[in-house]
C-alpha atoms as a PDB file:
ATOM      1  CA  MET A   1      76.238  35.333 110.899  1.00  0.00           C
ATOM      2  CA  ARG A   2      79.856  34.239 110.423  1.00  0.00           C
ATOM      3  CA  ILE A   3      80.862  37.570 108.881  1.00  0.00           C
ATOM      4  CA  ILE A   4      79.427  39.447 111.860  1.00  0.00           C
ATOM      5  CA  ILE A   5      81.467  37.280 114.229  1.00  0.00           C
ATOM      6  CA  GLU A   6      84.598  37.859 112.117  1.00  0.00           C
ATOM      7  CA  LEU A   7      84.021  41.629 112.181  1.00  0.00           C
ATOM      8  CA  LEU A   8      83.537  41.649 115.952  1.00  0.00           C
ATOM      9  CA  LEU A   9      86.678  39.549 116.448  1.00  0.00           C
ATOM     10  CA  THR A  10      88.605  41.938 114.215  1.00  0.00           C
ATOM     11  CA  GLY A  11      87.455  44.901 116.314  1.00  0.00           C
ATOM     12  CA  ILE A  12      88.432  43.089 119.507  1.00  0.00           C
ATOM     13  CA  ALA A  13      91.829  42.153 118.039  1.00  0.00           C
ATOM     14  CA  VAL A  14      92.574  45.750 117.006  1.00  0.00           C
ATOM     15  CA  SER A  15      91.452  47.025 120.429  1.00  0.00           C
ATOM     16  CA  VAL A  16      93.643  44.552 122.320  1.00  0.00           C
ATOM     17  CA  ALA A  17      96.637  45.102 120.027  1.00  0.00           C
ATOM     18  CA  ALA A  18      96.318  48.874 120.437  1.00  0.00           C
ATOM     19  CA  PHE A  19      96.087  48.473 124.215  1.00  0.00           C
ATOM     20  CA  LEU A  20      99.238  46.331 124.294  1.00  0.00           C
ATOM     21  CA  SER A  21     101.233  48.480 121.846  1.00  0.00           C
ATOM     22  CA  PRO A  22     102.812  51.634 123.221  1.00  0.00           C
ATOM     23  CA  GLY A  23     102.368  54.460 120.747  1.00  0.00           C
ATOM     24  CA  VAL A  24      99.093  53.200 119.247  1.00  0.00           C
ATOM     25  CA  ARG A  25      95.764  54.729 120.233  1.00  0.00           C
ATOM     26  CA  VAL A  26      92.213  53.824 119.279  1.00  0.00           C
ATOM     27  CA  ASP A  27      89.340  56.075 120.350  1.00  0.00           C
ATOM     28  CA  GLY A  28      86.850  53.269 120.986  1.00  0.00           C
ATOM     29  CA  PHE A  29      85.483  49.965 119.796  1.00  0.00           C
ATOM     30  CA  LEU A  30      83.795  51.516 116.758  1.00  0.00           C
ATOM     31  CA  SER A  31      87.091  53.083 115.691  1.00  0.00           C
ATOM     32  CA  ALA A  32      88.836  49.742 116.247  1.00  0.00           C
ATOM     33  CA  LEU A  33      86.201  47.998 114.131  1.00  0.00           C
ATOM     34  CA  ILE A  34      86.563  50.548 111.324  1.00  0.00           C
ATOM     35  CA  ALA A  35      90.365  50.349 111.548  1.00  0.00           C
ATOM     36  CA  GLY A  36      90.205  46.555 111.276  1.00  0.00           C
ATOM     37  CA  ILE A  37      87.932  46.731 108.240  1.00  0.00           C
ATOM     38  CA  LEU A  38      90.149  49.367 106.611  1.00  0.00           C
ATOM     39  CA  LEU A  39      93.258  47.285 107.329  1.00  0.00           C
ATOM     40  CA  ALA A  40      91.666  44.301 105.626  1.00  0.00           C
ATOM     41  CA  LEU A  41      90.591  46.365 102.603  1.00  0.00           C
ATOM     42  CA  VAL A  42      93.920  48.174 102.246  1.00  0.00           C
ATOM     43  CA  ASN A  43      95.885  44.920 102.585  1.00  0.00           C
ATOM     44  CA  ALA A  44      93.652  43.266  99.993  1.00  0.00           C
ATOM     45  CA  THR A  45      94.062  46.059  97.439  1.00  0.00           C
ATOM     46  CA  VAL A  46      97.140  48.249  97.842  1.00  0.00           C
ATOM     47  CA  GLY A  47      99.050  45.619  99.834  1.00  0.00           C
ATOM     48  CA  THR A  48      98.485  42.984  97.168  1.00  0.00           C
ATOM     49  CA  LEU A  49      99.720  45.297  94.437  1.00  0.00           C
ATOM     50  CA  LEU A  50     102.828  46.191  96.443  1.00  0.00           C
ATOM     51  CA  ARG A  51     103.517  42.511  97.129  1.00  0.00           C
ATOM     52  CA  ILE A  52     103.295  41.754  93.410  1.00  0.00           C
ATOM     53  CA  PHE A  53     105.681  44.592  92.510  1.00  0.00           C
ATOM     54  CA  THR A  54     108.169  43.689  95.263  1.00  0.00           C
ATOM     55  CA  PHE A  55     108.074  39.924  94.660  1.00  0.00           C
ATOM     56  CA  PRO A  56     111.808  39.615  93.800  1.00  0.00           C
ATOM     57  CA  VAL A  57     112.805  41.621  96.894  1.00  0.00           C
ATOM     58  CA  ASN A  58     110.390  39.543  98.967  1.00  0.00           C
ATOM     59  CA  ILE A  59     112.129  36.360  97.841  1.00  0.00           C
ATOM     60  CA  LEU A  60     115.568  37.792  98.636  1.00  0.00           C
ATOM     61  CA  THR A  61     114.458  38.875 102.130  1.00  0.00           C
ATOM     62  CA  LEU A  62     112.669  35.555 102.789  1.00  0.00           C
ATOM     63  CA  GLY A  63     109.284  37.226 103.221  1.00  0.00           C
ATOM     64  CA  LEU A  64     110.387  40.137 105.397  1.00  0.00           C
ATOM     65  CA  MET A  65     109.354  42.640 102.733  1.00  0.00           C
ATOM     66  CA  SER A  66     105.785  41.370 102.977  1.00  0.00           C
ATOM     67  CA  PHE A  67     105.737  42.210 106.666  1.00  0.00           C
ATOM     68  CA  VAL A  68     107.179  45.674 105.986  1.00  0.00           C
ATOM     69  CA  ILE A  69     104.313  46.204 103.516  1.00  0.00           C
ATOM     70  CA  THR A  70     101.850  45.224 106.238  1.00  0.00           C
ATOM     71  CA  VAL A  71     103.396  47.827 108.557  1.00  0.00           C
ATOM     72  CA  LEU A  72     103.107  50.414 105.778  1.00  0.00           C
ATOM     73  CA  MET A  73      99.419  49.491 105.424  1.00  0.00           C
ATOM     74  CA  VAL A  74      98.942  50.140 109.162  1.00  0.00           C
ATOM     75  CA  LEU A  75     100.518  53.571 108.664  1.00  0.00           C
ATOM     76  CA  LEU A  76      98.220  54.172 105.675  1.00  0.00           C
ATOM     77  CA  VAL A  77      95.146  53.382 107.785  1.00  0.00           C
ATOM     78  CA  ASP A  78      96.531  55.738 110.434  1.00  0.00           C
ATOM     79  CA  ALA A  79      96.639  58.489 107.806  1.00  0.00           C
ATOM     80  CA  MET A  80      93.127  57.655 106.563  1.00  0.00           C
ATOM     81  CA  MET A  81      91.201  57.898 109.830  1.00  0.00           C
ATOM     82  CA  LYS A  82      91.182  60.055 112.936  1.00  0.00           C
ATOM     83  CA  GLY A  83      90.241  57.520 115.621  1.00  0.00           C
ATOM     84  CA  PHE A  84      93.326  55.346 115.019  1.00  0.00           C
ATOM     85  CA  GLU A  85      96.791  56.818 115.612  1.00  0.00           C
ATOM     86  CA  THR A  86     100.317  55.426 115.635  1.00  0.00           C
ATOM     87  CA  ASP A  87     103.505  57.175 116.704  1.00  0.00           C
ATOM     88  CA  GLY A  88     105.532  56.044 113.717  1.00  0.00           C
ATOM     89  CA  PHE A  89     107.027  53.027 112.020  1.00  0.00           C
ATOM     90  CA  TRP A  90     108.219  51.175 115.134  1.00  0.00           C
ATOM     91  CA  ALA A  91     104.893  51.557 116.933  1.00  0.00           C
ATOM     92  CA  ALA A  92     103.110  50.321 113.795  1.00  0.00           C
ATOM     93  CA  LEU A  93     105.556  47.392 113.562  1.00  0.00           C
ATOM     94  CA  LEU A  94     104.851  46.313 117.135  1.00  0.00           C
ATOM     95  CA  PHE A  95     101.111  46.765 116.577  1.00  0.00           C
ATOM     96  CA  ALA A  96     101.235  44.617 113.414  1.00  0.00           C
ATOM     97  CA  LEU A  97     103.140  41.866 115.248  1.00  0.00           C
ATOM     98  CA  ILE A  98     100.713  41.801 118.167  1.00  0.00           C
ATOM     99  CA  LEU A  99      97.704  41.968 115.836  1.00  0.00           C
ATOM    100  CA  ALA A 100      99.030  39.019 113.800  1.00  0.00           C
ATOM    101  CA  VAL A 101      99.458  36.918 116.937  1.00  0.00           C
ATOM    102  CA  ILE A 102      95.985  37.798 118.248  1.00  0.00           C
ATOM    103  CA  LYS A 103      94.354  37.040 114.896  1.00  0.00           C
ATOM    104  CA  MET A 104      96.238  33.727 114.754  1.00  0.00           C
ATOM    105  CA  VAL A 105      94.874  32.799 118.188  1.00  0.00           C
ATOM    106  CA  PHE A 106      91.343  33.837 117.190  1.00  0.00           C
ATOM    107  CA  SER A 107      91.655  31.863 113.973  1.00  0.00           C
ATOM    108  CA  SER A 108      92.715  28.720 115.816  1.00  0.00           C
ATOM    109  CA  LEU A 109      89.871  29.134 118.308  1.00  0.00           C
ATOM    110  CA  THR A 110      87.217  29.592 115.617  1.00  0.00           C
ATOM    111  CA  SER A 111      88.554  26.750 113.459  1.00  0.00           C
ATOM    112  CA  ASP A 112      88.435  24.390 116.462  1.00  0.00           C
ATOM    113  CA  ARG A 113      84.819  25.364 117.016  1.00  0.00           C
ATOM    114  CA  ASP A 114      83.924  24.590 113.378  1.00  0.00           C
ATOM    115  CA  ARG A 115      85.101  20.977 113.593  1.00  0.00           C
END
């Protein structure tokens, strides 16, 4: 049951972040849900490999490189599916920032409920 709630919250987070980000479009909730799942999978696989390879640069930039990799993963998901579109790097950057904040809020709300 928890995984279903997490998936629904991910879809809601992607939908809200796309609504608040100029230059990002999602065709519907199903596309937002798929985009959220793809973002998680791409970050867990390709993103992890890129973070390992760019570890020295990540240390020098105090973690900024890790965020740039996350933005690149958003652009990769944009290229992978039709129902999720971004207008370039800056739109994807704003989307990633808003999505991170929304997921942080959702995480704090669900962790408070678990106590």
